[in-house]
Amino acid sequence: MTTNRIIALVLIALGIVLIYMGYQSSQGLDDQVSEALTGNFTDETMFYWLGGAIAVIAGVVMLRR
């Protein structure tokens, strides 16, 4: 296995973990109240989701090359 492939797989795994953490965070009381009042999730939850999505996309792109 090449170094790039290992890094890509680590990025995909990290992205999946971050997306899962974002989901767990969105189910918390603070996020539920924030979403009910403002229509948006908290910044922390959004950072988890965005960071996870970016990591997964970067990993997939690295695997395709």
PDB file of N, CA and C in Angstrom:
ATOM      1  N   MET A   1       0.846  -1.175   0.000  1.00  0.00           N
ATOM      2  CA  MET A   1       0.000   0.000   0.000  1.00  0.00           C
ATOM      3  C   MET A   1       0.892   1.240   0.000  1.00  0.00           C
ATOM      4  N   THR A   2       0.543   2.191  -0.846  1.00  0.00           N
ATOM      5  CA  THR A   2       1.331   3.411  -0.907  1.00  0.00           C
ATOM      6  C   THR A   2       0.927   4.358   0.216  1.00  0.00           C
ATOM      7  N   THR A   3       1.779   5.314   0.440  1.00  0.00           N
ATOM      8  CA  THR A   3       1.529   6.287   1.495  1.00  0.00           C
ATOM      9  C   THR A   3       0.277   7.109   1.189  1.00  0.00           C
ATOM     10  N   ASN A   4       0.094   7.492  -0.062  1.00  0.00           N
ATOM     11  CA  ASN A   4      -1.093   8.277  -0.429  1.00  0.00           C
ATOM     12  C   ASN A   4      -2.383   7.505  -0.166  1.00  0.00           C
ATOM     13  N   ARG A   5      -2.385   6.224  -0.454  1.00  0.00           N
ATOM     14  CA  ARG A   5      -3.586   5.416  -0.225  1.00  0.00           C
ATOM     15  C   ARG A   5      -3.888   5.322   1.281  1.00  0.00           C
ATOM     16  N   ILE A   6      -2.860   5.168   2.089  1.00  0.00           N
ATOM     17  CA  ILE A   6      -3.058   5.098   3.544  1.00  0.00           C
ATOM     18  C   ILE A   6      -3.616   6.421   4.064  1.00  0.00           C
ATOM     19  N   ILE A   7      -3.050   7.533   3.596  1.00  0.00           N
ATOM     20  CA  ILE A   7      -3.536   8.851   4.016  1.00  0.00           C
ATOM     21  C   ILE A   7      -4.986   9.039   3.588  1.00  0.00           C
ATOM     22  N   ALA A   8      -5.324   8.600   2.380  1.00  0.00           N
ATOM     23  CA  ALA A   8      -6.698   8.718   1.889  1.00  0.00           C
ATOM     24  C   ALA A   8      -7.658   7.923   2.764  1.00  0.00           C
ATOM     25  N   LEU A   9      -7.287   6.707   3.111  1.00  0.00           N
ATOM     26  CA  LEU A   9      -8.155   5.888   3.964  1.00  0.00           C
ATOM     27  C   LEU A   9      -8.309   6.487   5.352  1.00  0.00           C
ATOM     28  N   VAL A  10      -7.239   7.069   5.878  1.00  0.00           N
ATOM     29  CA  VAL A  10      -7.316   7.724   7.192  1.00  0.00           C
ATOM     30  C   VAL A  10      -8.241   8.937   7.110  1.00  0.00           C
ATOM     31  N   LEU A  11      -8.142   9.709   6.028  1.00  0.00           N
ATOM     32  CA  LEU A  11      -9.032  10.860   5.864  1.00  0.00           C
ATOM     33  C   LEU A  11     -10.492  10.437   5.787  1.00  0.00           C
ATOM     34  N   ILE A  12     -10.773   9.378   5.067  1.00  0.00           N
ATOM     35  CA  ILE A  12     -12.151   8.893   4.972  1.00  0.00           C
ATOM     36  C   ILE A  12     -12.657   8.437   6.337  1.00  0.00           C
ATOM     37  N   ALA A  13     -11.839   7.697   7.057  1.00  0.00           N
ATOM     38  CA  ALA A  13     -12.239   7.232   8.396  1.00  0.00           C
ATOM     39  C   ALA A  13     -12.450   8.412   9.341  1.00  0.00           C
ATOM     40  N   LEU A  14     -11.546   9.383   9.299  1.00  0.00           N
ATOM     41  CA  LEU A  14     -11.679  10.569  10.147  1.00  0.00           C
ATOM     42  C   LEU A  14     -12.941  11.341   9.792  1.00  0.00           C
ATOM     43  N   GLY A  15     -13.223  11.461   8.507  1.00  0.00           N
ATOM     44  CA  GLY A  15     -14.429  12.158   8.074  1.00  0.00           C
ATOM     45  C   GLY A  15     -15.691  11.482   8.562  1.00  0.00           C
ATOM     46  N   ILE A  16     -15.712  10.161   8.494  1.00  0.00           N
ATOM     47  CA  ILE A  16     -16.887   9.425   8.969  1.00  0.00           C
ATOM     48  C   ILE A  16     -17.069   9.621  10.472  1.00  0.00           C
ATOM     49  N   VAL A  17     -15.983   9.607  11.207  1.00  0.00           N
ATOM     50  CA  VAL A  17     -16.061   9.832  12.659  1.00  0.00           C
ATOM     51  C   VAL A  17     -16.584  11.240  12.955  1.00  0.00           C
ATOM     52  N   LEU A  18     -16.089  12.238  12.217  1.00  0.00           N
ATOM     53  CA  LEU A  18     -16.548  13.618  12.446  1.00  0.00           C
ATOM     54  C   LEU A  18     -18.026  13.788  12.108  1.00  0.00           C
ATOM     55  N   ILE A  19     -18.474  13.164  11.026  1.00  0.00           N
ATOM     56  CA  ILE A  19     -19.892  13.240  10.676  1.00  0.00           C
ATOM     57  C   ILE A  19     -20.742  12.574  11.757  1.00  0.00           C
ATOM     58  N   TYR A  20     -20.279  11.436  12.273  1.00  0.00           N
ATOM     59  CA  TYR A  20     -21.005  10.764  13.357  1.00  0.00           C
ATOM     60  C   TYR A  20     -21.043  11.648  14.609  1.00  0.00           C
ATOM     61  N   MET A  21     -19.920  12.282  14.926  1.00  0.00           N
ATOM     62  CA  MET A  21     -19.891  13.171  16.097  1.00  0.00           C
ATOM     63  C   MET A  21     -20.837  14.358  15.897  1.00  0.00           C
ATOM     64  N   GLY A  22     -20.925  14.857  14.671  1.00  0.00           N
ATOM     65  CA  GLY A  22     -21.864  15.933  14.380  1.00  0.00           C
ATOM     66  C   GLY A  22     -23.302  15.488  14.566  1.00  0.00           C
ATOM     67  N   TYR A  23     -23.593  14.265  14.135  1.00  0.00           N
ATOM     68  CA  TYR A  23     -24.942  13.737  14.328  1.00  0.00           C
ATOM     69  C   TYR A  23     -25.263  13.612  15.819  1.00  0.00           C
ATOM     70  N   GLN A  24     -24.325  13.058  16.576  1.00  0.00           N
ATOM     71  CA  GLN A  24     -24.539  12.920  18.019  1.00  0.00           C
ATOM     72  C   GLN A  24     -24.723  14.278  18.678  1.00  0.00           C
ATOM     73  N   SER A  25     -23.933  15.252  18.237  1.00  0.00           N
ATOM     74  CA  SER A  25     -24.041  16.602  18.786  1.00  0.00           C
ATOM     75  C   SER A  25     -25.392  17.223  18.449  1.00  0.00           C
ATOM     76  N   SER A  26     -25.908  16.942  17.256  1.00  0.00           N
ATOM     77  CA  SER A  26     -27.181  17.532  16.849  1.00  0.00           C
ATOM     78  C   SER A  26     -28.355  16.974  17.636  1.00  0.00           C
ATOM     79  N   GLN A  27     -28.173  15.833  18.278  1.00  0.00           N
ATOM     80  CA  GLN A  27     -29.244  15.226  19.053  1.00  0.00           C
ATOM     81  C   GLN A  27     -29.269  15.714  20.499  1.00  0.00           C
ATOM     82  N   GLY A  28     -28.291  16.546  20.876  1.00  0.00           N
ATOM     83  CA  GLY A  28     -28.228  17.064  22.235  1.00  0.00           C
ATOM     84  C   GLY A  28     -29.271  18.140  22.487  1.00  0.00           C
ATOM     85  N   LEU A  29     -29.540  18.388  23.748  1.00  0.00           N
ATOM     86  CA  LEU A  29     -30.562  19.361  24.139  1.00  0.00           C
ATOM     87  C   LEU A  29     -30.223  20.758  23.646  1.00  0.00           C
ATOM     88  N   ASP A  30     -28.954  21.152  23.745  1.00  0.00           N
ATOM     89  CA  ASP A  30     -28.581  22.507  23.323  1.00  0.00           C
ATOM     90  C   ASP A  30     -28.820  22.711  21.826  1.00  0.00           C
ATOM     91  N   ASP A  31     -28.527  21.714  21.027  1.00  0.00           N
ATOM     92  CA  ASP A  31     -28.758  21.825  19.596  1.00  0.00           C
ATOM     93  C   ASP A  31     -30.239  21.780  19.263  1.00  0.00           C
ATOM     94  N   GLN A  32     -30.982  20.990  19.976  1.00  0.00           N
ATOM     95  CA  GLN A  32     -32.417  20.916  19.720  1.00  0.00           C
ATOM     96  C   GLN A  32     -33.084  22.259  20.019  1.00  0.00           C
ATOM     97  N   VAL A  33     -32.681  22.893  21.123  1.00  0.00           N
ATOM     98  CA  VAL A  33     -33.238  24.200  21.482  1.00  0.00           C
ATOM     99  C   VAL A  33     -32.796  25.247  20.469  1.00  0.00           C
ATOM    100  N   SER A  34     -31.525  25.225  20.109  1.00  0.00           N
ATOM    101  CA  SER A  34     -31.001  26.187  19.135  1.00  0.00           C
ATOM    102  C   SER A  34     -31.716  26.057  17.795  1.00  0.00           C
ATOM    103  N   GLU A  35     -31.936  24.838  17.352  1.00  0.00           N
ATOM    104  CA  GLU A  35     -32.623  24.629  16.079  1.00  0.00           C
ATOM    105  C   GLU A  35     -34.087  25.070  16.160  1.00  0.00           C
ATOM    106  N   ALA A  36     -34.706  24.821  17.286  1.00  0.00           N
ATOM    107  CA  ALA A  36     -36.105  25.202  17.440  1.00  0.00           C
ATOM    108  C   ALA A  36     -36.274  26.723  17.454  1.00  0.00           C
ATOM    109  N   LEU A  37     -35.337  27.426  18.070  1.00  0.00           N
ATOM    110  CA  LEU A  37     -35.457  28.878  18.195  1.00  0.00           C
ATOM    111  C   LEU A  37     -34.930  29.625  16.977  1.00  0.00           C
ATOM    112  N   THR A  38     -33.831  29.171  16.404  1.00  0.00           N
ATOM    113  CA  THR A  38     -33.200  29.914  15.308  1.00  0.00           C
ATOM    114  C   THR A  38     -33.311  29.229  13.955  1.00  0.00           C
ATOM    115  N   GLY A  39     -33.615  27.946  13.962  1.00  0.00           N
ATOM    116  CA  GLY A  39     -33.660  27.205  12.721  1.00  0.00           C
ATOM    117  C   GLY A  39     -32.301  26.687  12.280  1.00  0.00           C
ATOM    118  N   ASN A  40     -31.269  26.947  13.072  1.00  0.00           N
ATOM    119  CA  ASN A  40     -29.901  26.518  12.755  1.00  0.00           C
ATOM    120  C   ASN A  40     -29.330  25.696  13.898  1.00  0.00           C
ATOM    121  N   PHE A  41     -28.393  24.818  13.548  1.00  0.00           N
ATOM    122  CA  PHE A  41     -27.664  24.085  14.577  1.00  0.00           C
ATOM    123  C   PHE A  41     -26.549  24.968  15.121  1.00  0.00           C
ATOM    124  N   THR A  42     -25.940  24.549  16.207  1.00  0.00           N
ATOM    125  CA  THR A  42     -24.839  25.318  16.774  1.00  0.00           C
ATOM    126  C   THR A  42     -23.619  25.254  15.857  1.00  0.00           C
ATOM    127  N   ASP A  43     -22.700  26.182  16.056  1.00  0.00           N
ATOM    128  CA  ASP A  43     -21.488  26.229  15.236  1.00  0.00           C
ATOM    129  C   ASP A  43     -20.663  24.963  15.373  1.00  0.00           C
ATOM    130  N   GLU A  44     -20.590  24.420  16.583  1.00  0.00           N
ATOM    131  CA  GLU A  44     -19.799  23.211  16.816  1.00  0.00           C
ATOM    132  C   GLU A  44     -20.306  22.043  15.957  1.00  0.00           C
ATOM    133  N   THR A  45     -21.605  21.887  15.908  1.00  0.00           N
ATOM    134  CA  THR A  45     -22.190  20.814  15.106  1.00  0.00           C
ATOM    135  C   THR A  45     -21.897  21.022  13.628  1.00  0.00           C
ATOM    136  N   MET A  46     -22.019  22.243  13.165  1.00  0.00           N
ATOM    137  CA  MET A  46     -21.747  22.535  11.759  1.00  0.00           C
ATOM    138  C   MET A  46     -20.279  22.288  11.418  1.00  0.00           C
ATOM    139  N   PHE A  47     -19.369  22.606  12.334  1.00  0.00           N
ATOM    140  CA  PHE A  47     -17.949  22.345  12.095  1.00  0.00           C
ATOM    141  C   PHE A  47     -17.674  20.849  11.990  1.00  0.00           C
ATOM    142  N   TYR A  48     -18.340  20.063  12.814  1.00  0.00           N
ATOM    143  CA  TYR A  48     -18.191  18.603  12.720  1.00  0.00           C
ATOM    144  C   TYR A  48     -18.640  18.112  11.341  1.00  0.00           C
ATOM    145  N   TRP A  49     -19.823  18.543  10.928  1.00  0.00           N
ATOM    146  CA  TRP A  49     -20.364  18.084   9.648  1.00  0.00           C
ATOM    147  C   TRP A  49     -19.523  18.555   8.468  1.00  0.00           C
ATOM    148  N   LEU A  50     -19.158  19.826   8.462  1.00  0.00           N
ATOM    149  CA  LEU A  50     -18.359  20.351   7.346  1.00  0.00           C
ATOM    150  C   LEU A  50     -16.968  19.737   7.310  1.00  0.00           C
ATOM    151  N   GLY A  51     -16.347  19.631   8.471  1.00  0.00           N
ATOM    152  CA  GLY A  51     -15.016  19.019   8.533  1.00  0.00           C
ATOM    153  C   GLY A  51     -15.048  17.568   8.087  1.00  0.00           C
ATOM    154  N   GLY A  52     -16.073  16.849   8.502  1.00  0.00           N
ATOM    155  CA  GLY A  52     -16.211  15.455   8.100  1.00  0.00           C
ATOM    156  C   GLY A  52     -16.439  15.312   6.614  1.00  0.00           C
ATOM    157  N   ALA A  53     -17.291  16.162   6.059  1.00  0.00           N
ATOM    158  CA  ALA A  53     -17.563  16.096   4.624  1.00  0.00           C
ATOM    159  C   ALA A  53     -16.317  16.427   3.811  1.00  0.00           C
ATOM    160  N   ILE A  54     -15.579  17.436   4.228  1.00  0.00           N
ATOM    161  CA  ILE A  54     -14.350  17.814   3.522  1.00  0.00           C
ATOM    162  C   ILE A  54     -13.325  16.690   3.595  1.00  0.00           C
ATOM    163  N   ALA A  55     -13.189  16.072   4.765  1.00  0.00           N
ATOM    164  CA  ALA A  55     -12.222  14.980   4.917  1.00  0.00           C
ATOM    165  C   ALA A  55     -12.602  13.784   4.048  1.00  0.00           C
ATOM    166  N   VAL A  56     -13.878  13.435   4.003  1.00  0.00           N
ATOM    167  CA  VAL A  56     -14.312  12.308   3.177  1.00  0.00           C
ATOM    168  C   VAL A  56     -14.077  12.603   1.688  1.00  0.00           C
ATOM    169  N   ILE A  57     -14.436  13.794   1.258  1.00  0.00           N
ATOM    170  CA  ILE A  57     -14.252  14.159  -0.142  1.00  0.00           C
ATOM    171  C   ILE A  57     -12.767  14.160  -0.516  1.00  0.00           C
ATOM    172  N   ALA A  58     -11.929  14.714   0.366  1.00  0.00           N
ATOM    173  CA  ALA A  58     -10.491  14.730   0.093  1.00  0.00           C
ATOM    174  C   ALA A  58      -9.934  13.306   0.025  1.00  0.00           C
ATOM    175  N   GLY A  59     -10.393  12.442   0.907  1.00  0.00           N
ATOM    176  CA  GLY A  59      -9.948  11.052   0.894  1.00  0.00           C
ATOM    177  C   GLY A  59     -10.357  10.323  -0.373  1.00  0.00           C
ATOM    178  N   VAL A  60     -11.579  10.550  -0.810  1.00  0.00           N
ATOM    179  CA  VAL A  60     -12.061   9.893  -2.035  1.00  0.00           C
ATOM    180  C   VAL A  60     -11.280  10.398  -3.245  1.00  0.00           C
ATOM    181  N   VAL A  61     -11.036  11.698  -3.294  1.00  0.00           N
ATOM    182  CA  VAL A  61     -10.268  12.256  -4.405  1.00  0.00           C
ATOM    183  C   VAL A  61      -8.864  11.679  -4.424  1.00  0.00           C
ATOM    184  N   MET A  62      -8.245  11.538  -3.261  1.00  0.00           N
ATOM    185  CA  MET A  62      -6.908  10.961  -3.202  1.00  0.00           C
ATOM    186  C   MET A  62      -6.907   9.501  -3.640  1.00  0.00           C
ATOM    187  N   LEU A  63      -7.950   8.760  -3.310  1.00  0.00           N
ATOM    188  CA  LEU A  63      -8.028   7.368  -3.736  1.00  0.00           C
ATOM    189  C   LEU A  63      -8.204   7.225  -5.246  1.00  0.00           C
ATOM    190  N   ARG A  64      -8.912   8.164  -5.844  1.00  0.00           N
ATOM    191  CA  ARG A  64      -9.185   8.097  -7.274  1.00  0.00           C
ATOM    192  C   ARG A  64      -7.958   8.404  -8.124  1.00  0.00           C
ATOM    193  N   ARG A  65      -6.983   9.125  -7.573  1.00  0.00           N
ATOM    194  CA  ARG A  65      -5.777   9.486  -8.344  1.00  0.00           C
ATOM    195  C   ARG A  65      -4.808   8.379  -8.418  1.00  0.00           C
TER     196      ARG A  65
END
